[in-house]
Structures are given as structure tokens and as C-alpha cells.
Amino acid sequence: MKSELVTSAHLARRAVVYIRQSTPAQVVNNQESLCLKDAHGQRAYELGWRPCDIDIIDADLGLSGARPP
């Protein structure tokens, strides 16, 4: 479903999806966040971004910024 709020200027930029989970326990116990991450990527596609312009960042799942890896 498209939105009149998303303009061609928006679509000319990349869409970035990032949901922060900083501990392994959060990753295990909060599976809905992983589903939301995928749903947000799908929503960006539905709003008009091309799949190649949607970045889903999840490389740091379970890594805390409070302590080095």
C-alpha cells in the first residue's frame, strides 16, 4: 500500500531498517523483534522502495555496546 507521504525524493534515498537487540537473551526471548524487522523491510517495499535500495541491518544482534566483543 503506497502512501502520499512518501515522495519521489524519499524513494531516491535508501531505506534502512534497524532494530536493536543488545544481548543474546533479547535475541532469543524477543523473537517478535526479528519478525518486525522483516515486516518493516516488506513495508518499505510496499511504499515503493526497490528491494536493492532497502538495507536491513542485523549484523550486531546480541552484541552489547557496553562491552567489547
PDB file of N, CA and C in Angstrom:
ATOM      1  N   MET A   1       0.844  -1.175   0.000  1.00  0.00           N
ATOM      2  CA  MET A   1       0.000   0.000   0.000  1.00  0.00           C
ATOM      3  C   MET A   1       0.892   1.243   0.000  1.00  0.00           C
ATOM      4  N   LYS A   2       0.758   2.054  -0.995  1.00  0.00           N
ATOM      5  CA  LYS A   2       1.526   3.287  -1.129  1.00  0.00           C
ATOM      6  C   LYS A   2       0.965   4.351  -0.180  1.00  0.00           C
ATOM      7  N   SER A   3       1.770   5.375   0.042  1.00  0.00           N
ATOM      8  CA  SER A   3       1.351   6.489   0.892  1.00  0.00           C
ATOM      9  C   SER A   3       1.665   7.792   0.186  1.00  0.00           C
ATOM     10  N   GLU A   4       0.755   8.733   0.268  1.00  0.00           N
ATOM     11  CA  GLU A   4       1.008  10.047  -0.324  1.00  0.00           C
ATOM     12  C   GLU A   4       2.101  10.806   0.434  1.00  0.00           C
ATOM     13  N   LEU A   5       2.468  10.326   1.600  1.00  0.00           N
ATOM     14  CA  LEU A   5       3.527  10.959   2.384  1.00  0.00           C
ATOM     15  C   LEU A   5       4.922  10.610   1.871  1.00  0.00           C
ATOM     16  N   VAL A   6       5.030   9.520   1.120  1.00  0.00           N
ATOM     17  CA  VAL A   6       6.320   9.101   0.566  1.00  0.00           C
ATOM     18  C   VAL A   6       6.443   9.689  -0.831  1.00  0.00           C
ATOM     19  N   THR A   7       7.417  10.576  -0.994  1.00  0.00           N
ATOM     20  CA  THR A   7       7.607  11.262  -2.270  1.00  0.00           C
ATOM     21  C   THR A   7       8.744  10.615  -3.063  1.00  0.00           C
ATOM     22  N   SER A   8       8.899  11.073  -4.298  1.00  0.00           N
ATOM     23  CA  SER A   8       9.998  10.570  -5.122  1.00  0.00           C
ATOM     24  C   SER A   8      11.343  10.938  -4.501  1.00  0.00           C
ATOM     25  N   ALA A   9      11.398  12.043  -3.768  1.00  0.00           N
ATOM     26  CA  ALA A   9      12.641  12.420  -3.073  1.00  0.00           C
ATOM     27  C   ALA A   9      12.992  11.383  -2.007  1.00  0.00           C
ATOM     28  N   HIS A  10      11.994  10.858  -1.316  1.00  0.00           N
ATOM     29  CA  HIS A  10      12.237   9.792  -0.336  1.00  0.00           C
ATOM     30  C   HIS A  10      12.744   8.536  -1.039  1.00  0.00           C
ATOM     31  N   LEU A  11      12.072   8.179  -2.117  1.00  0.00           N
ATOM     32  CA  LEU A  11      12.401   6.939  -2.818  1.00  0.00           C
ATOM     33  C   LEU A  11      13.761   6.996  -3.503  1.00  0.00           C
ATOM     34  N   ALA A  12      14.289   8.183  -3.693  1.00  0.00           N
ATOM     35  CA  ALA A  12      15.624   8.329  -4.281  1.00  0.00           C
ATOM     36  C   ALA A  12      16.712   7.993  -3.274  1.00  0.00           C
ATOM     37  N   ARG A  13      16.337   7.916  -2.002  1.00  0.00           N
ATOM     38  CA  ARG A  13      17.286   7.575  -0.942  1.00  0.00           C
ATOM     39  C   ARG A  13      17.105   6.107  -0.566  1.00  0.00           C
ATOM     40  N   ARG A  14      18.034   5.591   0.207  1.00  0.00           N
ATOM     41  CA  ARG A  14      17.948   4.203   0.680  1.00  0.00           C
ATOM     42  C   ARG A  14      17.011   4.130   1.881  1.00  0.00           C
ATOM     43  N   ALA A  15      16.330   3.011   2.027  1.00  0.00           N
ATOM     44  CA  ALA A  15      15.531   2.731   3.218  1.00  0.00           C
ATOM     45  C   ALA A  15      16.374   1.830   4.114  1.00  0.00           C
ATOM     46  N   VAL A  16      16.484   2.168   5.389  1.00  0.00           N
ATOM     47  CA  VAL A  16      17.302   1.392   6.323  1.00  0.00           C
ATOM     48  C   VAL A  16      16.423   0.916   7.465  1.00  0.00           C
ATOM     49  N   VAL A  17      16.435  -0.393   7.701  1.00  0.00           N
ATOM     50  CA  VAL A  17      15.682  -0.998   8.801  1.00  0.00           C
ATOM     51  C   VAL A  17      16.694  -1.471   9.834  1.00  0.00           C
ATOM     52  N   TYR A  18      16.529  -0.998  11.068  1.00  0.00           N
ATOM     53  CA  TYR A  18      17.451  -1.380  12.141  1.00  0.00           C
ATOM     54  C   TYR A  18      16.672  -1.503  13.441  1.00  0.00           C
ATOM     55  N   ILE A  19      16.694  -2.682  14.034  1.00  0.00           N
ATOM     56  CA  ILE A  19      16.069  -2.909  15.337  1.00  0.00           C
ATOM     57  C   ILE A  19      17.149  -3.420  16.260  1.00  0.00           C
ATOM     58  N   ARG A  20      17.368  -2.717  17.354  1.00  0.00           N
ATOM     59  CA  ARG A  20      18.485  -3.010  18.251  1.00  0.00           C
ATOM     60  C   ARG A  20      18.103  -4.031  19.309  1.00  0.00           C
ATOM     61  N   GLN A  21      18.903  -5.083  19.403  1.00  0.00           N
ATOM     62  CA  GLN A  21      18.819  -6.056  20.489  1.00  0.00           C
ATOM     63  C   GLN A  21      20.250  -6.275  20.950  1.00  0.00           C
ATOM     64  N   SER A  22      20.551  -5.881  22.183  1.00  0.00           N
ATOM     65  CA  SER A  22      21.951  -5.827  22.588  1.00  0.00           C
ATOM     66  C   SER A  22      22.445  -7.028  23.386  1.00  0.00           C
ATOM     67  N   THR A  23      21.567  -7.945  23.730  1.00  0.00           N
ATOM     68  CA  THR A  23      22.037  -9.120  24.465  1.00  0.00           C
ATOM     69  C   THR A  23      21.548 -10.389  23.775  1.00  0.00           C
ATOM     70  N   PRO A  24      22.292 -11.478  23.915  1.00  0.00           N
ATOM     71  CA  PRO A  24      21.827 -12.751  23.336  1.00  0.00           C
ATOM     72  C   PRO A  24      20.454 -13.152  23.881  1.00  0.00           C
ATOM     73  N   ALA A  25      20.187 -12.839  25.151  1.00  0.00           N
ATOM     74  CA  ALA A  25      18.882 -13.178  25.738  1.00  0.00           C
ATOM     75  C   ALA A  25      17.757 -12.431  25.033  1.00  0.00           C
ATOM     76  N   GLN A  26      17.991 -11.171  24.665  1.00  0.00           N
ATOM     77  CA  GLN A  26      16.969 -10.419  23.938  1.00  0.00           C
ATOM     78  C   GLN A  26      16.695 -11.056  22.583  1.00  0.00           C
ATOM     79  N   VAL A  27      17.731 -11.504  21.916  1.00  0.00           N
ATOM     80  CA  VAL A  27      17.565 -12.133  20.608  1.00  0.00           C
ATOM     81  C   VAL A  27      16.730 -13.404  20.742  1.00  0.00           C
ATOM     82  N   VAL A  28      16.999 -14.187  21.787  1.00  0.00           N
ATOM     83  CA  VAL A  28      16.284 -15.451  21.992  1.00  0.00           C
ATOM     84  C   VAL A  28      14.857 -15.216  22.484  1.00  0.00           C
ATOM     85  N   ASN A  29      14.708 -14.290  23.433  1.00  0.00           N
ATOM     86  CA  ASN A  29      13.407 -14.101  24.088  1.00  0.00           C
ATOM     87  C   ASN A  29      12.473 -13.138  23.378  1.00  0.00           C
ATOM     88  N   ASN A  30      12.974 -12.362  22.455  1.00  0.00           N
ATOM     89  CA  ASN A  30      12.143 -11.364  21.778  1.00  0.00           C
ATOM     90  C   ASN A  30      12.084 -11.637  20.277  1.00  0.00           C
ATOM     91  N   GLN A  31      11.603 -12.795  19.931  1.00  0.00           N
ATOM     92  CA  GLN A  31      11.534 -13.196  18.522  1.00  0.00           C
ATOM     93  C   GLN A  31      10.654 -12.264  17.700  1.00  0.00           C
ATOM     94  N   GLU A  32       9.695 -11.599  18.353  1.00  0.00           N
ATOM     95  CA  GLU A  32       8.821 -10.704  17.601  1.00  0.00           C
ATOM     96  C   GLU A  32       9.606  -9.546  16.981  1.00  0.00           C
ATOM     97  N   SER A  33      10.717  -9.161  17.598  1.00  0.00           N
ATOM     98  CA  SER A  33      11.534  -8.087  17.023  1.00  0.00           C
ATOM     99  C   SER A  33      12.121  -8.515  15.675  1.00  0.00           C
ATOM    100  N   LEU A  34      12.508  -9.779  15.570  1.00  0.00           N
ATOM    101  CA  LEU A  34      13.029 -10.268  14.292  1.00  0.00           C
ATOM    102  C   LEU A  34      11.931 -10.264  13.225  1.00  0.00           C
ATOM    103  N   CYS A  35      10.727 -10.618  13.620  1.00  0.00           N
ATOM    104  CA  CYS A  35       9.598 -10.584  12.681  1.00  0.00           C
ATOM    105  C   CYS A  35       9.286  -9.153  12.274  1.00  0.00           C
ATOM    106  N   LEU A  36       9.356  -8.231  13.238  1.00  0.00           N
ATOM    107  CA  LEU A  36       9.110  -6.822  12.935  1.00  0.00           C
ATOM    108  C   LEU A  36      10.144  -6.287  11.955  1.00  0.00           C
ATOM    109  N   LYS A  37      11.391  -6.686  12.134  1.00  0.00           N
ATOM    110  CA  LYS A  37      12.461  -6.246  11.239  1.00  0.00           C
ATOM    111  C   LYS A  37      12.110  -6.631   9.805  1.00  0.00           C
ATOM    112  N   ASP A  38      11.700  -7.866   9.592  1.00  0.00           N
ATOM    113  CA  ASP A  38      11.334  -8.331   8.258  1.00  0.00           C
ATOM    114  C   ASP A  38      10.084  -7.617   7.751  1.00  0.00           C
ATOM    115  N   ALA A  39       9.129  -7.383   8.645  1.00  0.00           N
ATOM    116  CA  ALA A  39       7.902  -6.688   8.259  1.00  0.00           C
ATOM    117  C   ALA A  39       8.190  -5.249   7.856  1.00  0.00           C
ATOM    118  N   HIS A  40       9.130  -4.595   8.534  1.00  0.00           N
ATOM    119  CA  HIS A  40       9.481  -3.216   8.172  1.00  0.00           C
ATOM    120  C   HIS A  40      10.155  -3.183   6.795  1.00  0.00           C
ATOM    121  N   GLY A  41      10.964  -4.164   6.498  1.00  0.00           N
ATOM    122  CA  GLY A  41      11.558  -4.260   5.173  1.00  0.00           C
ATOM    123  C   GLY A  41      10.494  -4.442   4.106  1.00  0.00           C
ATOM    124  N   GLN A  42       9.527  -5.294   4.377  1.00  0.00           N
ATOM    125  CA  GLN A  42       8.415  -5.517   3.447  1.00  0.00           C
ATOM    126  C   GLN A  42       7.604  -4.240   3.273  1.00  0.00           C
ATOM    127  N   ARG A  43       7.396  -3.511   4.356  1.00  0.00           N
ATOM    128  CA  ARG A  43       6.626  -2.261   4.281  1.00  0.00           C
ATOM    129  C   ARG A  43       7.347  -1.233   3.418  1.00  0.00           C
ATOM    130  N   ALA A  44       8.655  -1.136   3.545  1.00  0.00           N
ATOM    131  CA  ALA A  44       9.415  -0.213   2.699  1.00  0.00           C
ATOM    132  C   ALA A  44       9.204  -0.567   1.222  1.00  0.00           C
ATOM    133  N   TYR A  45       9.206  -1.849   0.916  1.00  0.00           N
ATOM    134  CA  TYR A  45       8.952  -2.310  -0.454  1.00  0.00           C
ATOM    135  C   TYR A  45       7.549  -1.893  -0.912  1.00  0.00           C
ATOM    136  N   GLU A  46       6.576  -2.100  -0.043  1.00  0.00           N
ATOM    137  CA  GLU A  46       5.197  -1.741  -0.376  1.00  0.00           C
ATOM    138  C   GLU A  46       5.042  -0.237  -0.584  1.00  0.00           C
ATOM    139  N   LEU A  47       5.843   0.558   0.106  1.00  0.00           N
ATOM    140  CA  LEU A  47       5.776   2.010  -0.031  1.00  0.00           C
ATOM    141  C   LEU A  47       6.477   2.508  -1.294  1.00  0.00           C
ATOM    142  N   GLY A  48       7.214   1.617  -1.978  1.00  0.00           N
ATOM    143  CA  GLY A  48       7.782   1.992  -3.254  1.00  0.00           C
ATOM    144  C   GLY A  48       9.284   1.861  -3.388  1.00  0.00           C
ATOM    145  N   TRP A  49       9.991   1.524  -2.307  1.00  0.00           N
ATOM    146  CA  TRP A  49      11.440   1.327  -2.437  1.00  0.00           C
ATOM    147  C   TRP A  49      11.700   0.041  -3.199  1.00  0.00           C
ATOM    148  N   ARG A  50      12.716   0.060  -4.025  1.00  0.00           N
ATOM    149  CA  ARG A  50      13.143  -1.149  -4.726  1.00  0.00           C
ATOM    150  C   ARG A  50      13.885  -2.044  -3.730  1.00  0.00           C
ATOM    151  N   PRO A  51      13.774  -3.358  -3.859  1.00  0.00           N
ATOM    152  CA  PRO A  51      14.471  -4.250  -2.923  1.00  0.00           C
ATOM    153  C   PRO A  51      15.965  -3.956  -2.803  1.00  0.00           C
ATOM    154  N   CYS A  52      16.603  -3.565  -3.896  1.00  0.00           N
ATOM    155  CA  CYS A  52      18.038  -3.280  -3.837  1.00  0.00           C
ATOM    156  C   CYS A  52      18.348  -1.995  -3.079  1.00  0.00           C
ATOM    157  N   ASP A  53      17.330  -1.195  -2.786  1.00  0.00           N
ATOM    158  CA  ASP A  53      17.513   0.049  -2.028  1.00  0.00           C
ATOM    159  C   ASP A  53      17.059  -0.063  -0.580  1.00  0.00           C
ATOM    160  N   ILE A  54      16.757  -1.266  -0.127  1.00  0.00           N
ATOM    161  CA  ILE A  54      16.343  -1.493   1.256  1.00  0.00           C
ATOM    162  C   ILE A  54      17.465  -2.230   1.976  1.00  0.00           C
ATOM    163  N   ASP A  55      18.013  -1.597   3.002  1.00  0.00           N
ATOM    164  CA  ASP A  55      19.062  -2.218   3.815  1.00  0.00           C
ATOM    165  C   ASP A  55      18.475  -2.639   5.148  1.00  0.00           C
ATOM    166  N   ILE A  56      18.642  -3.913   5.476  1.00  0.00           N
ATOM    167  CA  ILE A  56      18.228  -4.419   6.784  1.00  0.00           C
ATOM    168  C   ILE A  56      19.499  -4.733   7.552  1.00  0.00           C
ATOM    169  N   ILE A  57      19.708  -3.995   8.625  1.00  0.00           N
ATOM    170  CA  ILE A  57      20.939  -4.139   9.405  1.00  0.00           C
ATOM    171  C   ILE A  57      20.660  -5.020  10.612  1.00  0.00           C
ATOM    172  N   ASP A  58      21.343  -6.154  10.669  1.00  0.00           N
ATOM    173  CA  ASP A  58      21.179  -7.051  11.817  1.00  0.00           C
ATOM    174  C   ASP A  58      22.494  -7.727  12.197  1.00  0.00           C
ATOM    175  N   ALA A  59      23.610  -7.192  11.707  1.00  0.00           N
ATOM    176  CA  ALA A  59      24.917  -7.813  11.942  1.00  0.00           C
ATOM    177  C   ALA A  59      25.342  -7.765  13.402  1.00  0.00           C
ATOM    178  N   ASP A  60      24.762  -6.842  14.176  1.00  0.00           N
ATOM    179  CA  ASP A  60      25.201  -6.705  15.564  1.00  0.00           C
ATOM    180  C   ASP A  60      24.170  -7.242  16.565  1.00  0.00           C
ATOM    181  N   LEU A  61      23.256  -8.099  16.120  1.00  0.00           N
ATOM    182  CA  LEU A  61      22.283  -8.667  17.052  1.00  0.00           C
ATOM    183  C   LEU A  61      22.986  -9.406  18.180  1.00  0.00           C
ATOM    184  N   GLY A  62      22.606  -9.098  19.388  1.00  0.00           N
ATOM    185  CA  GLY A  62      23.158  -9.781  20.547  1.00  0.00           C
ATOM    186  C   GLY A  62      24.493  -9.248  21.017  1.00  0.00           C
ATOM    187  N   LEU A  63      24.979  -8.177  20.394  1.00  0.00           N
ATOM    188  CA  LEU A  63      26.253  -7.590  20.800  1.00  0.00           C
ATOM    189  C   LEU A  63      25.985  -6.294  21.558  1.00  0.00           C
ATOM    190  N   SER A  64      26.517  -6.198  22.731  1.00  0.00           N
ATOM    191  CA  SER A  64      26.312  -5.014  23.555  1.00  0.00           C
ATOM    192  C   SER A  64      27.363  -3.960  23.245  1.00  0.00           C
ATOM    193  N   GLY A  65      26.950  -2.719  23.229  1.00  0.00           N
ATOM    194  CA  GLY A  65      27.890  -1.615  23.090  1.00  0.00           C
ATOM    195  C   GLY A  65      28.600  -1.310  24.402  1.00  0.00           C
ATOM    196  N   ALA A  66      28.128  -1.917  25.483  1.00  0.00           N
ATOM    197  CA  ALA A  66      28.703  -1.661  26.800  1.00  0.00           C
ATOM    198  C   ALA A  66      29.997  -2.428  27.035  1.00  0.00           C
ATOM    199  N   ARG A  67      30.196  -3.497  26.282  1.00  0.00           N
ATOM    200  CA  ARG A  67      31.418  -4.264  26.453  1.00  0.00           C
ATOM    201  C   ARG A  67      31.952  -4.692  25.089  1.00  0.00           C
ATOM    202  N   PRO A  68      33.259  -4.733  24.929  1.00  0.00           N
ATOM    203  CA  PRO A  68      33.823  -5.134  23.632  1.00  0.00           C
ATOM    204  C   PRO A  68      33.505  -6.586  23.298  1.00  0.00           C
ATOM    205  N   PRO A  69      33.411  -6.907  21.987  1.00  0.00           N
ATOM    206  CA  PRO A  69      33.103  -8.288  21.573  1.00  0.00           C
ATOM    207  C   PRO A  69      34.213  -9.268  21.929  1.00  0.00           C
TER     208      PRO A  69
END
